[in-house]
Structures are given as C-alpha cells and as structure tokens.
Amino acid sequence: MLEIDRIRERLLAERRALVAKVAEVDDNLRWLEANADQYEAQLQAENIVRALGNRLDDKGRAQLEAIGRALVRIASGEYGRCNTCGGDIPHEHLEQTPTMENCAPCADAARHQ
C-alpha cells in the first residue's frame, strides 16, 4: 500500500523549500543593491543575480506546479495513476519522483515523439 500521507508531506516540504529559495534570491539581490561599492560592479552583480534568479524562478515555478498537480491528484484519489494510460505507477517510482504523472512506458513514448 502506498503511503500517500507521507508522500504528501514530502511534497509540501519540497514546496516550502522552493518558496524559501526564491525568497533567498530576492534577499541576496537586495543586499547586492544596498552594498555595491561602484555602480559598474553593482550593475554587473545585479545582472548575474537576476539571470540566476530568473532560471531559479523558471525551474522553481515548474517544480511548484508539478507539486501542486501531485497534491491535487492525492486529494482526488488519482495519485499513482498514469495520466496517459490510466495504469498504476509503481510505488518505487513515486518514492523516487513523487511528482511523476506518467508511467515509464508512457513517459518514454512522449519523449520519443
């Protein structure tokens, strides 16, 4: 039997950690803005941090959306079933990747299209 509650708690914790990372990037950007000695150094540092923050936001946003979809599937009772074929996703796969939405054969087929 799949321990859905344990996986749900893991997903919620991962979501909290991602939100904290995004907040940390914002804090670091504010610190750079307040403490840069020269305008050029400040501008360069802001551009680097902003670029990193944008990548984190994109990756973080995608991961947050995947966690949200998994939590909705848990609440609806659909968690652990493939979105494509409706078959069961093996427990081991969900333990490794709790946001998994498709079984391995369907995920492989989608990658090869």
Protein backbone atom coordinates (compact mmCIF):
# COMPACT_ATOMS: atom_id res chain seq x y z
CA MET A 1 0.00 0.00 0.00
CA LEU A 2 1.31 3.42 -0.97
CA GLU A 3 1.78 5.75 1.97
CA ILE A 4 0.11 8.75 0.36
CA ASP A 5 0.21 10.88 3.50
CA ARG A 6 3.99 10.52 3.76
CA ILE A 7 4.45 11.48 0.12
CA ARG A 8 2.01 14.40 0.53
CA GLU A 9 4.08 15.72 3.45
CA ARG A 10 7.25 15.30 1.39
CA LEU A 11 5.71 17.32 -1.47
CA LEU A 12 4.57 20.06 0.90
CA ALA A 13 8.05 20.27 2.43
CA GLU A 14 9.63 20.46 -1.03
CA ARG A 15 7.23 23.26 -1.98
CA ARG A 16 8.15 25.19 1.20
CA ALA A 17 11.86 24.77 0.39
CA LEU A 18 11.41 26.07 -3.17
CA VAL A 19 9.50 29.12 -1.99
CA ALA A 20 12.27 29.78 0.54
CA LYS A 21 14.92 29.55 -2.22
CA VAL A 22 13.09 32.13 -4.32
CA ALA A 23 12.83 34.43 -1.29
CA GLU A 24 16.56 33.95 -0.62
CA VAL A 25 17.44 35.04 -4.16
CA ASP A 26 15.34 38.19 -3.67
CA ASP A 27 17.11 38.89 -0.36
CA ASN A 28 20.52 38.43 -1.98
CA LEU A 29 19.61 40.80 -4.80
CA ARG A 30 18.50 43.47 -2.30
CA TRP A 31 21.76 43.01 -0.37
CA LEU A 32 23.81 43.47 -3.55
CA GLU A 33 21.86 46.59 -4.44
CA ALA A 34 22.43 48.08 -0.97
CA ASN A 35 26.13 47.17 -0.64
CA ALA A 36 27.75 47.53 -4.06
CA ASP A 37 30.74 49.92 -3.91
CA GLN A 38 30.69 51.09 -7.50
CA TYR A 39 27.86 51.49 -9.97
CA GLU A 40 29.51 49.24 -12.57
CA ALA A 41 30.16 46.45 -10.05
CA GLN A 42 26.61 46.79 -8.77
CA LEU A 43 25.14 46.62 -12.25
CA GLN A 44 27.21 43.57 -13.15
CA ALA A 45 26.31 41.82 -9.89
CA GLU A 46 22.61 42.63 -10.36
CA ASN A 47 22.63 41.23 -13.89
CA ILE A 48 24.29 38.00 -12.76
CA VAL A 49 21.96 37.52 -9.81
CA ARG A 50 18.89 38.46 -11.86
CA ALA A 51 19.85 35.90 -14.53
CA LEU A 52 20.35 33.23 -11.88
CA GLY A 53 17.11 34.23 -10.19
CA ASN A 54 15.21 34.01 -13.46
CA ARG A 55 16.49 30.49 -14.04
CA LEU A 56 15.60 29.54 -10.49
CA ASP A 57 12.18 31.08 -10.88
CA ASP A 58 11.52 29.13 -14.08
CA LYS A 59 12.75 25.88 -12.61
CA GLY A 60 11.15 26.59 -9.27
CA ARG A 61 7.86 27.59 -10.90
CA ALA A 62 7.77 24.37 -12.92
CA GLN A 63 8.55 22.31 -9.85
CA LEU A 64 5.93 24.13 -7.76
CA GLU A 65 3.35 23.49 -10.46
CA ALA A 66 4.26 19.78 -10.56
CA ILE A 67 3.96 19.58 -6.76
CA GLY A 68 0.59 21.32 -6.93
CA ARG A 69 -0.67 18.86 -9.54
CA ALA A 70 0.54 15.93 -7.40
CA LEU A 71 -1.24 17.31 -4.33
CA VAL A 72 -4.46 17.72 -6.33
CA ARG A 73 -4.14 14.11 -7.55
CA ILE A 74 -3.63 12.96 -3.95
CA ALA A 75 -6.74 14.85 -2.83
CA SER A 76 -8.82 13.48 -5.72
CA GLY A 77 -7.64 9.90 -5.26
CA GLU A 78 -5.96 9.82 -8.69
CA TYR A 79 -2.40 9.89 -7.35
CA GLY A 80 -0.28 6.98 -8.54
CA ARG A 81 -2.19 6.52 -11.80
CA CYS A 82 -0.72 7.39 -15.18
CA ASN A 83 -2.29 10.49 -16.76
CA THR A 84 -1.89 8.96 -20.22
CA CYS A 85 -2.91 5.30 -19.97
CA GLY A 86 -4.54 5.21 -16.53
CA GLY A 87 -2.29 2.38 -15.36
CA ASP A 88 -0.63 2.24 -11.98
CA ILE A 89 2.71 3.96 -11.50
CA PRO A 90 4.98 1.68 -9.44
CA HIS A 91 5.42 2.71 -5.81
CA GLU A 92 9.22 2.72 -6.21
CA HIS A 93 8.94 5.32 -8.98
CA LEU A 94 6.69 7.54 -6.88
CA GLU A 95 9.07 7.26 -3.95
CA GLN A 96 11.92 8.41 -6.20
CA THR A 97 9.92 11.10 -8.03
CA PRO A 98 6.72 11.97 -6.14
CA THR A 99 5.59 14.39 -8.86
CA MET A 100 5.63 11.65 -11.53
CA GLU A 101 2.49 11.90 -13.66
CA ASN A 102 3.02 9.10 -16.18
CA CYS A 103 4.24 5.53 -16.05
CA ALA A 104 7.67 4.85 -17.51
CA PRO A 105 6.41 3.44 -20.85
CA CYS A 106 4.13 6.46 -21.45
CA ALA A 107 6.86 8.93 -20.40
CA ASP A 108 9.33 7.23 -22.76
CA ALA A 109 6.82 7.30 -25.61
CA ALA A 110 6.21 11.03 -25.06
CA ARG A 111 9.97 11.78 -25.10
CA HIS A 112 10.37 9.97 -28.44
CA GLN A 113 7.57 11.81 -30.24
